[in-house]
Amino acid sequence: MALPAHLAPAKKTMNGASRAAMLMLALGEEHGAGIWKQLDDDEIRDISHAMSTLGTIDAENVETMMVEFVSKMSTTGALMGNFDSTERILGGFLPKDRVTQIMEEIRGPAGRNMWEKLSNVQEQVLANYLKNEYPQTVAVVLSKIRPEHAARVLAILPDEFALDVVKRMLTIESVQKDIIERVEETLRTEFMSNLSQTSRRDAHEMIAEIFNAFDRQTETRFLTALEEENRDSAERIKALMFTFDDLMRLDTASVQTLLRNVARDRLTVALKGATQSVRDFFLGHMSQRAGKMLQDDMQAMGPVRLRDVDEAQSHMVAVAKDLAAKGEILITKNRGDDELVF
């Protein structure tokens, strides 16, 4: 006996991509291959995304949807659309690298490749995973993710282990191929071929960027330890780093531009914890009235946490780099003729 209308299972509402996905699941690999080959990349991506999130479709919905596509087709029962079935079907007629690219894009949650995804993993979670790996493996992983994220992960790792990782990052080129093979197996990625084709950065520049993202205490800890192990590398890294004190090398026009782009409260905290020479430098580029107001604000502020000072100073450095990248200011380092390009 048929159920009353208000007790009958609700029909699953589907858009065009979802209905096409269900049709392709029903057709399967053998009968659907000819259709897949006629679709362009955007159509394949849309249908694949819908297919991977389709879930369970009951027999009644299957039959209803099939009637809309064909004049005569009986239901074969429920279908399950998921990532595995989607990848298996695509793999029957598309090249492996193309399937990988499509599946990586629809799996999410963020990032178009493994390294971007790792950069979005919470640092404590990533550190807990990496501390059980070989230091050489960790060195490769941290060299591939964003410097600021690598800095946060390094700061969490045990001191001796983290320093070992840093030293291996400095000589990573000589072992890159072998370590990449281990990372490929450990992290189950299929993008190593793309990574091997990218140009390798200078290891000291990479470490300098990571150290720039450290807070002051962590930076000092790592540099001091590294100086004891390898003074030449430590000095080279320090020469490549761009710090808050390096803002004193800005010309007058660049200082004025920077000050216009930094919020007053951030500037106040940053200078509250700065050396007197840095304070004098910035105050010297302000009007007498503006400088007096800033000094009054710093005095009225009272004690400030070192963490807040570090954050404010790092923010000013980041703003300066961003302005330099846009061509709005000129940043120079130790040698007057060396411009830093970001």
Protein backbone atom coordinates (compact mmCIF):
# COMPACT_ATOMS: atom_id res chain seq x y z
CA MET A 1 0.00 0.00 0.00
CA ALA A 2 1.35 3.39 -0.95
CA LEU A 3 2.24 5.77 1.84
CA PRO A 4 0.34 9.04 2.18
CA ALA A 5 2.05 11.88 0.35
CA HIS A 6 3.17 13.58 3.57
CA LEU A 7 4.87 10.35 4.74
CA ALA A 8 6.56 9.42 1.48
CA PRO A 9 10.36 9.91 1.19
CA ALA A 10 11.24 13.36 -0.06
CA LYS A 11 12.66 13.54 -3.53
CA LYS A 12 16.26 14.66 -3.50
CA THR A 13 16.58 18.07 -5.15
CA MET A 14 19.47 18.14 -7.60
CA ASN A 15 20.98 20.70 -9.90
CA GLY A 16 22.16 19.96 -13.42
CA ALA A 17 25.67 18.95 -12.38
CA SER A 18 24.33 16.55 -9.74
CA ARG A 19 21.93 14.91 -12.19
CA ALA A 20 24.71 14.56 -14.74
CA ALA A 21 26.93 13.07 -12.03
CA MET A 22 24.27 10.50 -11.16
CA LEU A 23 23.83 9.60 -14.82
CA MET A 24 27.58 9.07 -15.26
CA LEU A 25 27.69 6.91 -12.13
CA ALA A 26 24.84 4.82 -13.50
CA LEU A 27 26.52 4.43 -16.88
CA GLY A 28 29.78 3.38 -15.24
CA GLU A 29 33.23 3.21 -16.75
CA GLU A 30 32.47 1.21 -19.89
CA HIS A 31 29.38 3.03 -21.14
CA GLY A 32 30.29 6.48 -19.80
CA ALA A 33 33.80 6.75 -21.25
CA GLY A 34 32.60 8.07 -24.60
CA ILE A 35 30.66 10.87 -22.91
CA TRP A 36 33.51 11.88 -20.60
CA LYS A 37 35.82 12.29 -23.57
CA GLN A 38 33.45 14.83 -25.12
CA LEU A 39 33.48 17.09 -22.05
CA ASP A 40 35.88 19.97 -21.50
CA ASP A 41 37.92 20.47 -18.32
CA ASP A 42 35.40 22.77 -16.63
CA GLU A 43 32.53 20.36 -17.29
CA ILE A 44 34.57 17.41 -16.00
CA ARG A 45 35.53 19.37 -12.90
CA ASP A 46 31.93 20.40 -12.14
CA ILE A 47 30.53 16.91 -12.65
CA SER A 48 33.41 15.30 -10.74
CA HIS A 49 32.87 17.63 -7.79
CA ALA A 50 29.15 16.86 -7.77
CA MET A 51 29.87 13.13 -8.08
CA SER A 52 32.31 13.10 -5.17
CA THR A 53 29.76 14.73 -2.85
CA LEU A 54 26.65 12.95 -4.12
CA GLY A 55 26.35 10.48 -1.29
CA THR A 56 23.71 7.76 -1.37
CA ILE A 57 20.92 8.08 -3.94
CA ASP A 58 18.00 5.75 -3.30
CA ALA A 59 16.40 3.68 -6.04
CA GLU A 60 13.37 5.92 -6.41
CA ASN A 61 15.48 9.01 -7.03
CA VAL A 62 17.67 7.04 -9.42
CA GLU A 63 14.67 6.02 -11.47
CA THR A 64 13.15 9.48 -11.47
CA MET A 65 16.38 11.10 -12.63
CA MET A 66 17.03 8.49 -15.29
CA VAL A 67 13.61 9.06 -16.86
CA GLU A 68 14.64 12.65 -17.45
CA PHE A 69 17.70 11.55 -19.42
CA VAL A 70 16.47 8.50 -21.27
CA SER A 71 13.06 7.35 -22.40
CA LYS A 72 13.41 3.86 -21.05
CA MET A 73 15.75 2.81 -18.25
CA SER A 74 14.99 0.78 -15.16
CA THR A 75 16.60 1.42 -11.83
CA THR A 76 19.56 -0.68 -10.77
CA GLY A 77 19.34 0.24 -7.12
CA ALA A 78 21.09 2.80 -5.00
CA LEU A 79 24.31 4.49 -6.13
CA MET A 80 27.12 5.76 -3.93
CA GLY A 81 29.06 8.76 -5.17
CA ASN A 82 32.33 9.43 -3.34
CA PHE A 83 35.93 10.43 -3.97
CA ASP A 84 37.14 6.88 -4.59
CA SER A 85 34.46 6.00 -7.16
CA THR A 86 34.93 9.35 -8.88
CA GLU A 87 38.69 8.91 -9.14
CA ARG A 88 38.34 5.32 -10.34
CA ILE A 89 35.92 6.28 -13.12
CA LEU A 90 38.02 9.25 -14.27
CA GLY A 91 41.12 7.05 -14.25
CA GLY A 92 39.53 4.75 -16.81
CA PHE A 93 39.82 7.28 -19.62
CA LEU A 94 41.86 10.30 -18.48
CA PRO A 95 45.64 10.53 -18.03
CA LYS A 96 46.79 10.01 -14.46
CA ASP A 97 48.18 13.54 -14.03
CA ARG A 98 44.92 15.07 -15.22
CA VAL A 99 42.90 12.90 -12.81
CA THR A 100 45.24 13.91 -9.98
CA GLN A 101 44.83 17.60 -10.74
CA ILE A 102 41.02 17.35 -10.86
CA MET A 103 40.79 15.31 -7.65
CA GLU A 104 43.19 17.57 -5.75
CA GLU A 105 41.04 20.59 -6.65
CA ILE A 106 37.78 19.00 -5.48
CA ARG A 107 39.10 17.28 -2.35
CA GLY A 108 39.97 20.56 -0.60
CA PRO A 109 39.81 21.96 1.91
CA ALA A 110 42.41 24.55 0.92
CA GLY A 111 45.38 24.74 -1.40
CA ARG A 112 45.95 23.51 -4.93
CA ASN A 113 48.84 21.20 -4.04
CA MET A 114 50.19 19.31 -1.06
CA TRP A 115 52.49 22.10 0.14
CA GLU A 116 49.74 24.71 0.14
CA LYS A 117 47.54 22.26 2.04
CA LEU A 118 50.29 21.64 4.61
CA SER A 119 50.64 25.40 5.07
CA ASN A 120 47.01 25.44 6.18
CA VAL A 121 47.43 22.67 8.75
CA GLN A 122 47.42 23.98 12.32
CA GLU A 123 51.07 24.31 13.39
CA GLN A 124 50.72 22.21 16.56
CA VAL A 125 49.16 19.37 14.57
CA LEU A 126 51.89 19.52 11.93
CA ALA A 127 54.65 19.76 14.55
CA ASN A 128 53.29 16.73 16.42
CA TYR A 129 53.40 14.76 13.18
CA LEU A 130 56.84 15.95 12.05
CA LYS A 131 58.60 15.40 15.39
CA ASN A 132 58.33 11.66 14.78
CA GLU A 133 59.90 11.89 11.33
CA TYR A 134 63.55 11.97 10.33
CA PRO A 135 65.06 15.49 10.56
CA GLN A 136 65.92 15.31 6.86
CA THR A 137 62.27 14.65 6.00
CA VAL A 138 61.17 17.55 8.18
CA ALA A 139 63.74 19.79 6.50
CA VAL A 140 62.21 19.13 3.09
CA VAL A 141 58.67 19.71 4.33
CA LEU A 142 59.54 23.01 6.02
CA SER A 143 61.47 24.19 2.97
CA LYS A 144 58.36 23.77 0.82
CA ILE A 145 55.70 25.40 2.98
CA ARG A 146 55.21 29.10 3.68
CA PRO A 147 58.11 30.62 5.74
CA GLU A 148 55.83 32.09 8.41
CA HIS A 149 54.17 28.70 8.92
CA ALA A 150 57.52 26.92 8.97
CA ALA A 151 58.67 29.38 11.64
CA ARG A 152 55.72 28.56 13.89
CA VAL A 153 56.30 24.82 13.46
CA LEU A 154 60.04 25.11 14.18
CA ALA A 155 59.35 27.09 17.34
CA ILE A 156 57.20 24.23 18.68
CA LEU A 157 59.62 21.39 17.87
CA PRO A 158 62.13 20.31 20.56
CA ASP A 159 65.19 22.59 20.53
CA GLU A 160 67.86 20.05 19.56
CA PHE A 161 65.63 18.48 16.93
CA ALA A 162 64.68 21.88 15.47
CA LEU A 163 68.31 22.98 15.22
CA ASP A 164 69.19 19.71 13.49
CA VAL A 165 66.40 20.43 11.00
CA VAL A 166 67.72 23.95 10.34
CA LYS A 167 71.24 22.64 9.71
CA ARG A 168 69.89 20.09 7.24
CA MET A 169 67.87 22.77 5.46
CA LEU A 170 71.12 24.64 4.83
CA THR A 171 72.52 21.67 2.90
CA ILE A 172 69.28 20.33 1.49
CA GLU A 173 70.26 20.46 -2.18
CA SER A 174 72.69 17.55 -1.97
CA VAL A 175 70.00 15.17 -0.66
CA GLN A 176 66.86 16.63 -2.21
CA LYS A 177 66.06 13.72 -4.53
CA ASP A 178 66.28 10.97 -1.90
CA ILE A 179 64.32 12.92 0.68
CA ILE A 180 61.62 13.85 -1.80
CA GLU A 181 61.13 10.14 -2.49
CA ARG A 182 60.59 9.52 1.22
CA VAL A 183 58.23 12.49 1.52
CA GLU A 184 56.32 11.18 -1.49
CA GLU A 185 55.78 7.86 0.26
CA THR A 186 55.10 9.36 3.69
CA LEU A 187 52.68 12.07 2.63
CA ARG A 188 51.19 10.06 -0.25
CA THR A 189 51.45 12.75 -2.83
CA GLU A 190 51.62 12.57 -6.59
CA PHE A 191 53.02 16.02 -7.23
CA MET A 192 56.75 15.33 -6.83
CA SER A 193 57.39 15.63 -10.54
CA ASN A 194 56.11 19.20 -10.53
CA LEU A 195 58.19 20.07 -7.48
CA SER A 196 61.39 18.68 -8.98
CA GLN A 197 60.96 21.03 -11.94
CA THR A 198 60.77 24.18 -9.82
CA SER A 199 63.89 26.25 -9.40
CA ARG A 200 65.66 25.76 -6.11
CA ARG A 201 66.11 28.77 -3.88
CA ASP A 202 69.25 29.55 -1.98
CA ALA A 203 68.99 27.72 1.34
CA HIS A 204 70.28 30.69 3.34
CA GLU A 205 67.66 33.00 1.81
CA MET A 206 64.96 30.49 2.68
CA ILE A 207 66.15 30.23 6.31
CA ALA A 208 66.40 34.05 6.53
CA GLU A 209 62.74 34.36 5.53
CA ILE A 210 61.74 31.78 8.14
CA PHE A 211 63.82 33.47 10.84
CA ASN A 212 62.22 36.80 9.92
CA ALA A 213 58.88 35.30 10.92
CA PHE A 214 60.14 34.28 14.38
CA ASP A 215 59.44 36.38 17.44
CA ARG A 216 62.52 38.07 18.88
CA GLN A 217 63.27 35.46 21.56
CA THR A 218 62.93 32.50 19.20
CA GLU A 219 65.05 34.24 16.57
CA THR A 220 67.81 34.92 19.09
CA ARG A 221 67.66 31.34 20.37
CA PHE A 222 68.10 29.83 16.91
CA LEU A 223 70.76 32.28 15.73
CA THR A 224 72.81 31.86 18.90
CA ALA A 225 72.67 28.07 18.63
CA LEU A 226 73.47 28.16 14.92
CA GLU A 227 76.45 30.47 15.48
CA GLU A 228 77.98 27.84 17.75
CA GLU A 229 77.52 25.17 15.09
CA ASN A 230 78.19 27.10 11.89
CA ARG A 231 79.21 30.73 12.29
CA ASP A 232 79.58 31.36 8.56
CA SER A 233 76.06 30.24 7.81
CA ALA A 234 74.69 32.20 10.76
CA GLU A 235 76.39 35.38 9.58
CA ARG A 236 75.14 34.89 6.04
CA ILE A 237 71.59 34.36 7.29
CA LYS A 238 71.74 37.48 9.47
CA ALA A 239 72.99 39.49 6.48
CA LEU A 240 70.00 38.31 4.44
CA MET A 241 67.42 38.92 7.14
CA PHE A 242 65.38 42.12 7.07
CA THR A 243 64.55 43.23 10.58
CA PHE A 244 62.77 46.10 12.28
CA ASP A 245 66.08 47.90 12.81
CA ASP A 246 66.69 47.79 9.05
CA LEU A 247 63.82 50.24 8.62
CA MET A 248 66.35 52.91 9.63
CA ARG A 249 67.85 52.48 6.16
CA LEU A 250 64.74 53.86 4.49
CA ASP A 251 65.07 57.20 2.76
CA THR A 252 62.91 60.13 3.86
CA ALA A 253 60.19 59.62 1.24
CA SER A 254 59.96 55.90 2.05
CA VAL A 255 59.67 56.56 5.79
CA GLN A 256 56.82 59.01 5.19
CA THR A 257 55.03 56.46 3.02
CA LEU A 258 55.49 53.73 5.62
CA LEU A 259 54.17 55.93 8.44
CA ARG A 260 51.05 56.71 6.43
CA ASN A 261 50.37 52.99 6.03
CA VAL A 262 50.85 51.91 9.66
CA ALA A 263 48.08 52.44 12.21
CA ARG A 264 49.01 54.82 15.03
CA ASP A 265 48.43 52.28 17.77
CA ARG A 266 50.71 49.73 16.03
CA LEU A 267 53.42 52.38 15.60
CA THR A 268 53.18 53.38 19.25
CA VAL A 269 53.64 49.81 20.50
CA ALA A 270 56.44 49.09 18.00
CA LEU A 271 58.45 52.16 19.05
CA LYS A 272 57.69 51.61 22.75
CA GLY A 273 59.91 48.53 22.60
CA ALA A 274 62.45 49.89 20.12
CA THR A 275 65.97 51.11 20.82
CA GLN A 276 66.44 54.82 21.35
CA SER A 277 68.20 55.17 17.99
CA VAL A 278 65.22 53.65 16.16
CA ARG A 279 62.82 55.89 18.08
CA ASP A 280 64.88 58.96 17.22
CA PHE A 281 64.96 57.93 13.56
CA PHE A 282 61.17 57.77 13.22
CA LEU A 283 60.53 60.80 15.41
CA GLY A 284 62.98 62.72 13.27
CA HIS A 285 60.75 62.10 10.24
CA MET A 286 57.63 63.43 11.96
CA SER A 287 56.49 66.94 12.57
CA GLN A 288 57.31 68.31 16.00
CA ARG A 289 53.64 68.14 17.02
CA ALA A 290 53.13 64.57 15.75
CA GLY A 291 56.35 63.42 17.42
CA LYS A 292 55.34 64.98 20.75
CA MET A 293 51.94 63.27 20.60
CA LEU A 294 53.56 59.92 19.87
CA GLN A 295 55.98 60.29 22.79
CA ASP A 296 53.10 61.20 25.10
CA ASP A 297 51.20 58.11 23.92
CA MET A 298 54.20 55.87 24.61
CA GLN A 299 54.66 57.33 28.09
CA ALA A 300 50.96 56.99 28.94
CA MET A 301 50.92 53.41 27.68
CA GLY A 302 52.90 51.99 30.57
CA PRO A 303 54.57 48.55 30.41
CA VAL A 304 54.00 46.60 27.18
CA ARG A 305 54.37 42.85 26.69
CA LEU A 306 57.35 41.85 24.59
CA ARG A 307 55.04 39.64 22.49
CA ASP A 308 52.93 42.68 21.57
CA VAL A 309 56.05 44.66 20.67
CA ASP A 310 57.30 41.84 18.45
CA GLU A 311 53.94 41.61 16.72
CA ALA A 312 53.77 45.37 16.08
CA GLN A 313 57.34 45.53 14.80
CA SER A 314 56.81 42.48 12.57
CA HIS A 315 53.70 44.16 11.21
CA MET A 316 55.69 47.26 10.27
CA VAL A 317 58.32 45.13 8.53
CA ALA A 318 55.60 43.26 6.63
CA VAL A 319 53.99 46.54 5.56
CA ALA A 320 57.38 47.83 4.39
CA LYS A 321 57.98 44.69 2.31
CA ASP A 322 54.51 44.95 0.80
CA LEU A 323 55.08 48.59 -0.14
CA ALA A 324 58.46 47.68 -1.62
CA ALA A 325 56.85 44.94 -3.69
CA LYS A 326 54.41 47.50 -5.06
CA GLY A 327 57.26 49.88 -5.90
CA GLU A 328 56.03 52.54 -3.46
CA ILE A 329 59.18 52.56 -1.29
CA LEU A 330 62.83 51.57 -1.69
CA ILE A 331 64.41 49.17 0.78
CA THR A 332 68.19 48.82 1.01
CA LYS A 333 70.26 46.49 3.13
CA ASN A 334 73.82 46.61 4.46
CA ARG A 335 75.42 47.76 1.22
CA GLY A 336 74.07 50.99 -0.17
CA ASP A 337 73.83 49.68 -3.73
CA ASP A 338 71.95 46.49 -2.83
CA GLU A 339 68.22 46.86 -3.18
CA LEU A 340 66.05 44.11 -1.77
CA VAL A 341 63.40 42.96 -4.22
CA PHE A 342 60.29 41.28 -2.83
